[in-house]
Amino acid sequence: MPRRRLSESLPHPLAFVFSGGANLGAVQAGMLLALRDAGIAPDLVVGSSVGALNAGLVANHGLDQGAEILSEIWARVTRHDVFPGGVLSQAWCLFRTHMNLFPNDRLAELICNWLTVETFEELPIPLGVMATELVSQRGMLFNCGPLRPALLASAAIPGLYPPVAIDGVEYIDGGFTANVPLNAAMQLGARAIVVLDVGGSCMPDHRPRHIADMLLTVIQASLRKRVLVEAPAVAASVPVLYLPSPCMDHGQVLDFDSSVALMREAAEEAGAFLAACDVPEPGRMVGEPYFNLEDLICTMNGDLAPLESLSS
């Protein structure tokens, strides 16, 4: 199918939905390049965790410039830009805070260097950011007010980063209630959805080396279940285009050495998919979520998190 027909056939408002995924956020930068080349641009964007950070820059700069900025960021980012310090500094941080291994000041700096606005209301493209209330474990959708605290809250991985207080309430990673925030996009009025889910990447065939790696590996595996239920349910109401994610070894979950290769592979796979796929229609999803059977076996004892409580 010609790319032009696909871009013209999707109804509007069209939402891009960005999943969480730690260092796999580089995959979304590659997907954005493919979507840009296909002429498919969002009317609104929604994200959780690292996906919220990527979505925030697209909302701020638009698809064309945002894709270029994210490609530059992910090509240059290192572990110490996001998770600074060695074992001793991590131990000291945990001793001082009793909650987290890393401060979030480096992450804040990375965000602030590229954001040009202070509030959601100033963004050229509407943005929704998922976070999770620390105490109640309810999901919260931020789409108004100060931008930076919401982004930091959405990416506050428990045990790695400190909770972020907003209006007296502490929040952690949005992925715990909506790792792929499809319902949030519906809440914001989406009539079609393009999903940028990094979960299609193969699980690494080596064991985690550090506590932080182990935490993220377990968290990512447990969060994959919910989208298997939500994606078909959402697709019954609106067209859903689920982009493929590359299957390649991306190293430890705190490493960023494979970012360039991930971006390149993601751009190629998403580009080929967009060039050949059918136009999605309500009741029929084009593409599908990936789920590793071993992840399912490892997490069978857990229940799905309760549906998020959305608020603006």
C-alpha atoms as a PDB file:
ATOM      1  CA  MET A   1       0.000   0.000   0.000  1.00  0.00           C
ATOM      2  CA  PRO A   2       1.398   3.427  -0.868  1.00  0.00           C
ATOM      3  CA  ARG A   3       2.495   5.394   2.153  1.00  0.00           C
ATOM      4  CA  ARG A   4       0.456   8.385   1.054  1.00  0.00           C
ATOM      5  CA  ARG A   5      -2.779   6.397   1.252  1.00  0.00           C
ATOM      6  CA  LEU A   6      -2.018   5.192   4.771  1.00  0.00           C
ATOM      7  CA  SER A   7      -1.264   8.691   6.031  1.00  0.00           C
ATOM      8  CA  GLU A   8      -4.464  10.075   4.521  1.00  0.00           C
ATOM      9  CA  SER A   9      -6.711   7.229   5.675  1.00  0.00           C
ATOM     10  CA  LEU A  10      -6.143   7.430   9.424  1.00  0.00           C
ATOM     11  CA  PRO A  11      -8.877   9.454  11.146  1.00  0.00           C
ATOM     12  CA  HIS A  12      -8.099  12.417  13.375  1.00  0.00           C
ATOM     13  CA  PRO A  13      -7.299  13.291  16.088  1.00  0.00           C
ATOM     14  CA  LEU A  14      -4.423  10.825  15.654  1.00  0.00           C
ATOM     15  CA  ALA A  15      -2.482   9.945  18.809  1.00  0.00           C
ATOM     16  CA  PHE A  16       1.054   8.608  19.094  1.00  0.00           C
ATOM     17  CA  VAL A  17       1.294   6.415  22.213  1.00  0.00           C
ATOM     18  CA  PHE A  18       4.795   5.907  23.663  1.00  0.00           C
ATOM     19  CA  SER A  19       5.490   2.971  25.991  1.00  0.00           C
ATOM     20  CA  GLY A  20       7.969   2.816  28.819  1.00  0.00           C
ATOM     21  CA  GLY A  21      11.194   0.893  28.338  1.00  0.00           C
ATOM     22  CA  ALA A  22      14.293   2.470  29.959  1.00  0.00           C
ATOM     23  CA  ASN A  23      17.253   2.344  27.529  1.00  0.00           C
ATOM     24  CA  LEU A  24      14.963   1.043  24.775  1.00  0.00           C
ATOM     25  CA  GLY A  25      13.629   4.564  24.369  1.00  0.00           C
ATOM     26  CA  ALA A  26      16.078   4.754  21.472  1.00  0.00           C
ATOM     27  CA  VAL A  27      13.727   2.453  19.553  1.00  0.00           C
ATOM     28  CA  GLN A  28      11.056   5.162  19.617  1.00  0.00           C
ATOM     29  CA  ALA A  29      13.466   7.670  18.090  1.00  0.00           C
ATOM     30  CA  GLY A  30      13.888   5.316  15.130  1.00  0.00           C
ATOM     31  CA  MET A  31      10.140   4.738  14.838  1.00  0.00           C
ATOM     32  CA  LEU A  32       9.579   8.493  14.726  1.00  0.00           C
ATOM     33  CA  LEU A  33      11.959   8.828  11.786  1.00  0.00           C
ATOM     34  CA  ALA A  34       9.950   6.192   9.894  1.00  0.00           C
ATOM     35  CA  LEU A  35       6.650   7.895  10.737  1.00  0.00           C
ATOM     36  CA  ARG A  36       8.038  11.243   9.612  1.00  0.00           C
ATOM     37  CA  ASP A  37       9.183   9.761   6.305  1.00  0.00           C
ATOM     38  CA  ALA A  38       5.753   8.167   5.864  1.00  0.00           C
ATOM     39  CA  GLY A  39       4.072  11.535   6.351  1.00  0.00           C
ATOM     40  CA  ILE A  40       2.184  10.394   9.461  1.00  0.00           C
ATOM     41  CA  ALA A  41       2.155  13.112  12.129  1.00  0.00           C
ATOM     42  CA  PRO A  42       0.347  13.177  15.491  1.00  0.00           C
ATOM     43  CA  ASP A  43      -2.414  15.492  16.654  1.00  0.00           C
ATOM     44  CA  LEU A  44      -1.643  14.515  20.251  1.00  0.00           C
ATOM     45  CA  VAL A  45       0.970  12.402  22.048  1.00  0.00           C
ATOM     46  CA  VAL A  46       0.806  10.301  25.224  1.00  0.00           C
ATOM     47  CA  GLY A  47       3.616   8.552  27.070  1.00  0.00           C
ATOM     48  CA  SER A  48       4.744   6.671  30.152  1.00  0.00           C
ATOM     49  CA  SER A  49       8.214   6.617  31.719  1.00  0.00           C
ATOM     50  CA  VAL A  50      10.938   7.098  29.087  1.00  0.00           C
ATOM     51  CA  GLY A  51       8.134   7.256  26.533  1.00  0.00           C
ATOM     52  CA  ALA A  52       6.803  10.340  28.314  1.00  0.00           C
ATOM     53  CA  LEU A  53      10.190  12.029  27.893  1.00  0.00           C
ATOM     54  CA  ASN A  54      10.263  11.196  24.186  1.00  0.00           C
ATOM     55  CA  ALA A  55       6.641  12.250  23.754  1.00  0.00           C
ATOM     56  CA  GLY A  56       7.340  15.508  25.575  1.00  0.00           C
ATOM     57  CA  LEU A  57      10.021  16.535  23.115  1.00  0.00           C
ATOM     58  CA  VAL A  58       7.766  15.695  20.157  1.00  0.00           C
ATOM     59  CA  ALA A  59       4.968  17.748  21.719  1.00  0.00           C
ATOM     60  CA  ASN A  60       7.396  20.627  22.228  1.00  0.00           C
ATOM     61  CA  HIS A  61       9.200  20.602  18.872  1.00  0.00           C
ATOM     62  CA  GLY A  62       6.823  18.809  16.483  1.00  0.00           C
ATOM     63  CA  LEU A  63       7.461  15.544  14.662  1.00  0.00           C
ATOM     64  CA  ASP A  64      10.121  16.686  12.196  1.00  0.00           C
ATOM     65  CA  GLN A  65      12.358  18.572  14.611  1.00  0.00           C
ATOM     66  CA  GLY A  66      11.489  16.341  17.550  1.00  0.00           C
ATOM     67  CA  ALA A  67      12.597  13.218  15.680  1.00  0.00           C
ATOM     68  CA  GLU A  68      15.926  14.835  14.836  1.00  0.00           C
ATOM     69  CA  ILE A  69      16.485  16.045  18.407  1.00  0.00           C
ATOM     70  CA  LEU A  70      15.690  12.640  19.863  1.00  0.00           C
ATOM     71  CA  SER A  71      17.999  10.937  17.372  1.00  0.00           C
ATOM     72  CA  GLU A  72      20.788  13.251  18.514  1.00  0.00           C
ATOM     73  CA  ILE A  73      20.045  12.720  22.202  1.00  0.00           C
ATOM     74  CA  TRP A  74      19.864   8.934  21.983  1.00  0.00           C
ATOM     75  CA  ALA A  75      23.002   8.730  19.851  1.00  0.00           C
ATOM     76  CA  ARG A  76      24.974  10.612  22.520  1.00  0.00           C
ATOM     77  CA  VAL A  77      23.407   9.616  25.840  1.00  0.00           C
ATOM     78  CA  THR A  78      25.443   7.420  28.163  1.00  0.00           C
ATOM     79  CA  ARG A  79      24.581   5.467  31.267  1.00  0.00           C
ATOM     80  CA  HIS A  80      26.151   8.150  33.463  1.00  0.00           C
ATOM     81  CA  ASP A  81      23.971  10.809  31.872  1.00  0.00           C
ATOM     82  CA  VAL A  82      20.905   9.028  33.211  1.00  0.00           C
ATOM     83  CA  PHE A  83      22.160   6.741  36.008  1.00  0.00           C
ATOM     84  CA  PRO A  84      25.237   8.544  37.383  1.00  0.00           C
ATOM     85  CA  GLY A  85      27.895   7.153  39.681  1.00  0.00           C
ATOM     86  CA  GLY A  86      29.330   3.779  40.557  1.00  0.00           C
ATOM     87  CA  VAL A  87      28.501   1.189  43.193  1.00  0.00           C
ATOM     88  CA  LEU A  88      29.739   3.302  46.117  1.00  0.00           C
ATOM     89  CA  SER A  89      27.791   6.394  45.115  1.00  0.00           C
ATOM     90  CA  GLN A  90      24.690   4.259  44.588  1.00  0.00           C
ATOM     91  CA  ALA A  91      25.111   2.781  48.064  1.00  0.00           C
ATOM     92  CA  TRP A  92      25.563   6.260  49.540  1.00  0.00           C
ATOM     93  CA  CYS A  93      22.464   7.546  47.744  1.00  0.00           C
ATOM     94  CA  LEU A  94      20.450   4.593  49.051  1.00  0.00           C
ATOM     95  CA  PHE A  95      21.798   5.164  52.569  1.00  0.00           C
ATOM     96  CA  ARG A  96      20.790   8.839  52.493  1.00  0.00           C
ATOM     97  CA  THR A  97      17.378   8.444  50.884  1.00  0.00           C
ATOM     98  CA  HIS A  98      16.392   4.907  51.986  1.00  0.00           C
ATOM     99  CA  MET A  99      14.487   4.761  48.681  1.00  0.00           C
ATOM    100  CA  ASN A 100      16.620   5.120  45.540  1.00  0.00           C
ATOM    101  CA  LEU A 101      20.009   4.337  44.030  1.00  0.00           C
ATOM    102  CA  PHE A 102      20.277   7.428  41.822  1.00  0.00           C
ATOM    103  CA  PRO A 103      19.417  11.123  42.071  1.00  0.00           C
ATOM    104  CA  ASN A 104      17.235  12.495  39.284  1.00  0.00           C
ATOM    105  CA  ASP A 105      19.139  15.754  38.769  1.00  0.00           C
ATOM    106  CA  ARG A 106      20.957  14.417  35.692  1.00  0.00           C
ATOM    107  CA  LEU A 107      17.670  13.304  34.189  1.00  0.00           C
ATOM    108  CA  ALA A 108      16.153  16.723  34.925  1.00  0.00           C
ATOM    109  CA  GLU A 109      19.090  18.415  33.239  1.00  0.00           C
ATOM    110  CA  LEU A 110      18.724  16.209  30.168  1.00  0.00           C
ATOM    111  CA  ILE A 111      15.073  17.202  29.863  1.00  0.00           C
ATOM    112  CA  CYS A 112      15.543  20.888  30.602  1.00  0.00           C
ATOM    113  CA  ASN A 113      18.269  21.252  27.987  1.00  0.00           C
ATOM    114  CA  TRP A 114      15.751  20.594  25.212  1.00  0.00           C
ATOM    115  CA  LEU A 115      12.405  21.834  26.505  1.00  0.00           C
ATOM    116  CA  THR A 116      11.551  25.381  25.459  1.00  0.00           C
ATOM    117  CA  VAL A 117       8.283  25.746  27.404  1.00  0.00           C
ATOM    118  CA  GLU A 118       7.319  25.454  31.065  1.00  0.00           C
ATOM    119  CA  THR A 119       3.717  24.208  30.952  1.00  0.00           C
ATOM    120  CA  PHE A 120       1.540  21.738  29.099  1.00  0.00           C
ATOM    121  CA  GLU A 121      -0.615  24.597  27.861  1.00  0.00           C
ATOM    122  CA  GLU A 122       2.309  26.100  25.907  1.00  0.00           C
ATOM    123  CA  LEU A 123       3.009  22.945  23.908  1.00  0.00           C
ATOM    124  CA  PRO A 124       2.181  23.090  20.188  1.00  0.00           C
ATOM    125  CA  ILE A 125       0.957  19.459  20.306  1.00  0.00           C
ATOM    126  CA  PRO A 126      -1.251  18.323  23.222  1.00  0.00           C
ATOM    127  CA  LEU A 127       0.564  15.953  25.573  1.00  0.00           C
ATOM    128  CA  GLY A 128      -0.600  13.402  28.137  1.00  0.00           C
ATOM    129  CA  VAL A 129       1.854  12.035  30.706  1.00  0.00           C
ATOM    130  CA  MET A 130       1.101   9.011  32.890  1.00  0.00           C
ATOM    131  CA  ALA A 131       2.378   8.752  36.471  1.00  0.00           C
ATOM    132  CA  THR A 132       1.430   6.554  39.430  1.00  0.00           C
ATOM    133  CA  GLU A 133       0.514   7.761  42.912  1.00  0.00           C
ATOM    134  CA  LEU A 134       3.056   6.246  45.285  1.00  0.00           C
ATOM    135  CA  VAL A 135       0.668   5.474  48.153  1.00  0.00           C
ATOM    136  CA  SER A 136      -2.591   4.588  46.402  1.00  0.00           C
ATOM    137  CA  GLN A 137      -0.955   3.067  43.283  1.00  0.00           C
ATOM    138  CA  ARG A 138      -3.595   4.806  41.163  1.00  0.00           C
ATOM    139  CA  GLY A 139      -2.677   6.109  37.740  1.00  0.00           C
ATOM    140  CA  MET A 140      -2.766   9.827  37.033  1.00  0.00           C
ATOM    141  CA  LEU A 141      -2.857  11.460  33.624  1.00  0.00           C
ATOM    142  CA  PHE A 142      -1.201  14.883  33.574  1.00  0.00           C
ATOM    143  CA  ASN A 143      -2.079  17.178  30.696  1.00  0.00           C
ATOM    144  CA  CYS A 144      -2.036  20.635  32.266  1.00  0.00           C
ATOM    145  CA  GLY A 145       0.152  22.679  34.597  1.00  0.00           C
ATOM    146  CA  PRO A 146       3.957  22.513  35.018  1.00  0.00           C
ATOM    147  CA  LEU A 147       5.593  20.192  32.498  1.00  0.00           C
ATOM    148  CA  ARG A 148       8.932  19.168  33.996  1.00  0.00           C
ATOM    149  CA  PRO A 149       7.653  17.718  37.308  1.00  0.00           C
ATOM    150  CA  ALA A 150       5.152  15.547  35.455  1.00  0.00           C
ATOM    151  CA  LEU A 151       7.837  14.198  33.120  1.00  0.00           C
ATOM    152  CA  LEU A 152      10.191  13.447  36.010  1.00  0.00           C
ATOM    153  CA  ALA A 153       7.366  11.754  37.933  1.00  0.00           C
ATOM    154  CA  SER A 154       6.478   9.564  34.957  1.00  0.00           C
ATOM    155  CA  ALA A 155      10.095   8.395  34.708  1.00  0.00           C
ATOM    156  CA  ALA A 156      10.670   7.902  38.462  1.00  0.00           C
ATOM    157  CA  ILE A 157      11.448   4.178  38.435  1.00  0.00           C
ATOM    158  CA  PRO A 158      10.986   2.892  42.024  1.00  0.00           C
ATOM    159  CA  GLY A 159      14.240   1.919  43.662  1.00  0.00           C
ATOM    160  CA  LEU A 160      16.247   3.786  41.039  1.00  0.00           C
ATOM    161  CA  TYR A 161      14.871   7.340  41.186  1.00  0.00           C
ATOM    162  CA  PRO A 162      13.157   9.226  44.022  1.00  0.00           C
ATOM    163  CA  PRO A 163       9.394   9.860  43.922  1.00  0.00           C
ATOM    164  CA  VAL A 164       8.391  13.290  42.624  1.00  0.00           C
ATOM    165  CA  ALA A 165       5.985  15.446  44.643  1.00  0.00           C
ATOM    166  CA  ILE A 166       3.310  17.346  42.716  1.00  0.00           C
ATOM    167  CA  ASP A 167       0.789  19.385  44.702  1.00  0.00           C
ATOM    168  CA  GLY A 168       1.724  17.489  47.847  1.00  0.00           C
ATOM    169  CA  VAL A 169       1.279  14.021  46.331  1.00  0.00           C
ATOM    170  CA  GLU A 170       4.237  11.741  45.553  1.00  0.00           C
ATOM    171  CA  TYR A 171       4.347   9.993  42.183  1.00  0.00           C
ATOM    172  CA  ILE A 172       6.425   7.231  40.622  1.00  0.00           C
ATOM    173  CA  ASP A 173       6.818   5.682  37.175  1.00  0.00           C
ATOM    174  CA  GLY A 174       3.673   5.824  35.046  1.00  0.00           C
ATOM    175  CA  GLY A 175       4.391   2.397  33.601  1.00  0.00           C
ATOM    176  CA  PHE A 176       3.080   0.724  36.753  1.00  0.00           C
ATOM    177  CA  THR A 177      -0.481   1.661  35.837  1.00  0.00           C
ATOM    178  CA  ALA A 178      -0.173   2.157  32.080  1.00  0.00           C
ATOM    179  CA  ASN A 179       3.102   1.098  30.486  1.00  0.00           C
ATOM    180  CA  VAL A 180       1.419   1.505  27.082  1.00  0.00           C
ATOM    181  CA  PRO A 181      -1.118   4.274  27.853  1.00  0.00           C
ATOM    182  CA  LEU A 182      -3.769   3.446  25.278  1.00  0.00           C
ATOM    183  CA  ASN A 183      -6.732   4.332  27.474  1.00  0.00           C
ATOM    184  CA  ALA A 184      -5.143   7.688  28.237  1.00  0.00           C
ATOM    185  CA  ALA A 185      -5.078   8.465  24.509  1.00  0.00           C
ATOM    186  CA  MET A 186      -8.762   7.570  24.308  1.00  0.00           C
ATOM    187  CA  GLN A 187      -9.470   9.833  27.282  1.00  0.00           C
ATOM    188  CA  LEU A 188      -7.832  12.715  25.420  1.00  0.00           C
ATOM    189  CA  GLY A 189     -10.059  12.188  22.398  1.00  0.00           C
ATOM    190  CA  ALA A 190      -7.991  10.065  20.004  1.00  0.00           C
ATOM    191  CA  ARG A 191      -9.897   8.630  17.041  1.00  0.00           C
ATOM    192  CA  ALA A 192      -6.890   6.637  15.809  1.00  0.00           C
ATOM    193  CA  ILE A 193      -3.727   5.472  17.555  1.00  0.00           C
ATOM    194  CA  VAL A 194      -0.186   4.681  16.455  1.00  0.00           C
ATOM    195  CA  VAL A 195       1.626   2.672  19.154  1.00  0.00           C
ATOM    196  CA  LEU A 196       5.366   3.120  19.663  1.00  0.00           C
ATOM    197  CA  ASP A 197       5.926   0.173  22.001  1.00  0.00           C
ATOM    198  CA  VAL A 198       9.512  -0.906  22.573  1.00  0.00           C
ATOM    199  CA  GLY A 199       8.408  -4.231  24.075  1.00  0.00           C
ATOM    200  CA  GLY A 200       8.972  -6.112  20.839  1.00  0.00           C
ATOM    201  CA  SER A 201      12.703  -6.212  21.429  1.00  0.00           C
ATOM    202  CA  CYS A 202      13.965  -9.659  22.345  1.00  0.00           C
ATOM    203  CA  MET A 203      14.867 -10.291  25.943  1.00  0.00           C
ATOM    204  CA  PRO A 204      18.672 -10.416  26.385  1.00  0.00           C
ATOM    205  CA  ASP A 205      20.139 -13.888  26.719  1.00  0.00           C
ATOM    206  CA  HIS A 206      22.403 -12.881  29.592  1.00  0.00           C
ATOM    207  CA  ARG A 207      21.560 -12.373  33.247  1.00  0.00           C
ATOM    208  CA  PRO A 208      21.484  -8.910  34.896  1.00  0.00           C
ATOM    209  CA  ARG A 209      24.788  -7.966  36.494  1.00  0.00           C
ATOM    210  CA  HIS A 210      23.662  -5.297  38.948  1.00  0.00           C
ATOM    211  CA  ILE A 211      20.794  -4.644  41.369  1.00  0.00           C
ATOM    212  CA  ALA A 212      19.501  -1.851  39.156  1.00  0.00           C
ATOM    213  CA  ASP A 213      19.568  -4.139  36.117  1.00  0.00           C
ATOM    214  CA  MET A 214      17.661  -6.806  38.034  1.00  0.00           C
ATOM    215  CA  LEU A 215      15.030  -4.312  39.190  1.00  0.00           C
ATOM    216  CA  LEU A 216      14.379  -3.035  35.685  1.00  0.00           C
ATOM    217  CA  THR A 217      14.334  -6.510  34.159  1.00  0.00           C
ATOM    218  CA  VAL A 218      11.695  -7.728  36.622  1.00  0.00           C
ATOM    219  CA  ILE A 219       9.647  -4.538  36.284  1.00  0.00           C
ATOM    220  CA  GLN A 220       9.652  -4.635  32.484  1.00  0.00           C
ATOM    221  CA  ALA A 221       8.588  -8.280  32.399  1.00  0.00           C
ATOM    222  CA  SER A 222       5.683  -7.745  34.797  1.00  0.00           C
ATOM    223  CA  LEU A 223       4.389  -4.674  32.932  1.00  0.00           C
ATOM    224  CA  ARG A 224       4.008  -6.467  29.592  1.00  0.00           C
ATOM    225  CA  LYS A 225       0.827  -8.334  30.518  1.00  0.00           C
ATOM    226  CA  ARG A 226      -1.656  -5.506  30.581  1.00  0.00           C
ATOM    227  CA  VAL A 227      -1.233  -4.356  26.995  1.00  0.00           C
ATOM    228  CA  LEU A 228      -2.318  -7.792  25.752  1.00  0.00           C
ATOM    229  CA  VAL A 229      -5.744  -7.050  27.209  1.00  0.00           C
ATOM    230  CA  GLU A 230      -5.984  -3.340  26.514  1.00  0.00           C
ATOM    231  CA  ALA A 231      -4.776  -3.206  22.907  1.00  0.00           C
ATOM    232  CA  PRO A 232      -7.537  -5.430  21.427  1.00  0.00           C
ATOM    233  CA  ALA A 233     -10.152  -3.671  23.570  1.00  0.00           C
ATOM    234  CA  VAL A 234      -9.088  -0.225  22.345  1.00  0.00           C
ATOM    235  CA  ALA A 235      -8.796  -1.466  18.753  1.00  0.00           C
ATOM    236  CA  ALA A 236     -12.450  -2.495  18.905  1.00  0.00           C
ATOM    237  CA  SER A 237     -13.343   1.208  19.145  1.00  0.00           C
ATOM    238  CA  VAL A 238     -10.692   3.035  17.103  1.00  0.00           C
ATOM    239  CA  PRO A 239      -8.103   2.080  14.462  1.00  0.00           C
ATOM    240  CA  VAL A 240      -4.809   0.995  16.058  1.00  0.00           C
ATOM    241  CA  LEU A 241      -1.519   0.770  14.185  1.00  0.00           C
ATOM    242  CA  TYR A 242       0.969  -1.190  16.307  1.00  0.00           C
ATOM    243  CA  LEU A 243       4.520  -0.616  15.064  1.00  0.00           C
ATOM    244  CA  PRO A 244       7.029  -3.482  15.180  1.00  0.00           C
ATOM    245  CA  SER A 245      10.059  -3.209  17.424  1.00  0.00           C
ATOM    246  CA  PRO A 246      13.450  -4.666  16.499  1.00  0.00           C
ATOM    247  CA  CYS A 247      14.511  -8.021  17.871  1.00  0.00           C
ATOM    248  CA  MET A 248      18.146  -7.563  18.803  1.00  0.00           C
ATOM    249  CA  ASP A 249      20.334  -7.892  21.858  1.00  0.00           C
ATOM    250  CA  HIS A 250      20.440  -4.474  23.501  1.00  0.00           C
ATOM    251  CA  GLY A 251      22.755  -5.354  26.378  1.00  0.00           C
ATOM    252  CA  GLN A 252      22.049  -4.690  30.041  1.00  0.00           C
ATOM    253  CA  VAL A 253      19.005  -2.507  30.692  1.00  0.00           C
ATOM    254  CA  LEU A 254      21.174   0.299  32.094  1.00  0.00           C
ATOM    255  CA  ASP A 255      23.534   0.327  29.098  1.00  0.00           C
ATOM    256  CA  PHE A 256      23.124   2.709  26.174  1.00  0.00           C
ATOM    257  CA  ASP A 257      25.868   1.410  23.881  1.00  0.00           C
ATOM    258  CA  SER A 258      23.361  -0.093  21.442  1.00  0.00           C
ATOM    259  CA  SER A 259      21.226   3.037  21.016  1.00  0.00           C
ATOM    260  CA  VAL A 260      22.417   3.913  17.504  1.00  0.00           C
ATOM    261  CA  ALA A 261      21.917   0.354  16.264  1.00  0.00           C
ATOM    262  CA  LEU A 262      18.487   0.218  17.891  1.00  0.00           C
ATOM    263  CA  MET A 263      17.427   3.467  16.230  1.00  0.00           C
ATOM    264  CA  ARG A 264      18.629   2.327  12.826  1.00  0.00           C
ATOM    265  CA  GLU A 265      16.963  -1.085  13.077  1.00  0.00           C
ATOM    266  CA  ALA A 266      13.723   0.404  14.416  1.00  0.00           C
ATOM    267  CA  ALA A 267      13.576   2.963  11.600  1.00  0.00           C
ATOM    268  CA  GLU A 268      14.114   0.257   8.983  1.00  0.00           C
ATOM    269  CA  GLU A 269      11.551  -2.165  10.422  1.00  0.00           C
ATOM    270  CA  ALA A 270       8.912   0.494  11.026  1.00  0.00           C
ATOM    271  CA  GLY A 271       9.492   1.952   7.567  1.00  0.00           C
ATOM    272  CA  ALA A 272       9.026  -1.417   5.886  1.00  0.00           C
ATOM    273  CA  PHE A 273       5.936  -2.090   7.982  1.00  0.00           C
ATOM    274  CA  LEU A 274       4.341   1.268   7.129  1.00  0.00           C
ATOM    275  CA  ALA A 275       5.052   0.779   3.434  1.00  0.00           C
ATOM    276  CA  ALA A 276       3.282  -2.578   3.308  1.00  0.00           C
ATOM    277  CA  CYS A 277       0.604  -2.598   6.009  1.00  0.00           C
ATOM    278  CA  ASP A 278      -3.147  -2.273   5.566  1.00  0.00           C
ATOM    279  CA  VAL A 279      -5.082   0.698   6.896  1.00  0.00           C
ATOM    280  CA  PRO A 280      -6.392  -0.218  10.365  1.00  0.00           C
ATOM    281  CA  GLU A 281     -10.112  -0.019  11.004  1.00  0.00           C
ATOM    282  CA  PRO A 282     -12.151  -0.190  14.222  1.00  0.00           C
ATOM    283  CA  GLY A 283     -12.297  -3.797  15.350  1.00  0.00           C
ATOM    284  CA  ARG A 284      -9.080  -4.748  13.581  1.00  0.00           C
ATOM    285  CA  MET A 285      -5.600  -3.901  14.838  1.00  0.00           C
ATOM    286  CA  VAL A 286      -2.746  -3.774  12.323  1.00  0.00           C
ATOM    287  CA  GLY A 287       0.373  -5.109  13.976  1.00  0.00           C
ATOM    288  CA  GLU A 288       0.274  -6.585  17.471  1.00  0.00           C
ATOM    289  CA  PRO A 289       1.894  -6.369  20.891  1.00  0.00           C
ATOM    290  CA  TYR A 290       4.869  -8.604  21.491  1.00  0.00           C
ATOM    291  CA  PHE A 291       5.029 -10.784  24.569  1.00  0.00           C
ATOM    292  CA  ASN A 292       7.761 -13.223  25.493  1.00  0.00           C
ATOM    293  CA  LEU A 293       6.324 -16.537  26.723  1.00  0.00           C
ATOM    294  CA  GLU A 294       9.023 -16.837  29.366  1.00  0.00           C
ATOM    295  CA  ASP A 295       8.004 -13.410  30.714  1.00  0.00           C
ATOM    296  CA  LEU A 296       4.421 -14.646  30.975  1.00  0.00           C
ATOM    297  CA  ILE A 297       5.437 -17.771  32.880  1.00  0.00           C
ATOM    298  CA  CYS A 298       7.572 -15.719  35.267  1.00  0.00           C
ATOM    299  CA  THR A 299       4.764 -13.272  36.019  1.00  0.00           C
ATOM    300  CA  MET A 300       1.694 -15.521  35.965  1.00  0.00           C
ATOM    301  CA  ASN A 301       1.218 -15.162  39.721  1.00  0.00           C
ATOM    302  CA  GLY A 302       0.593 -11.419  39.478  1.00  0.00           C
ATOM    303  CA  ASP A 303      -2.716  -9.771  38.649  1.00  0.00           C
ATOM    304  CA  LEU A 304      -3.245  -6.908  36.238  1.00  0.00           C
ATOM    305  CA  ALA A 305      -2.951  -3.529  37.890  1.00  0.00           C
ATOM    306  CA  PRO A 306      -6.282  -1.713  38.322  1.00  0.00           C
ATOM    307  CA  LEU A 307      -7.290   0.556  35.495  1.00  0.00           C
ATOM    308  CA  GLU A 308      -5.863   4.004  35.861  1.00  0.00           C
ATOM    309  CA  SER A 309      -7.810   6.862  37.325  1.00  0.00           C
ATOM    310  CA  LEU A 310      -7.428   9.616  34.766  1.00  0.00           C
ATOM    311  CA  SER A 311      -7.375  13.239  35.788  1.00  0.00           C
ATOM    312  CA  SER A 312      -6.540  16.524  34.161  1.00  0.00           C
END
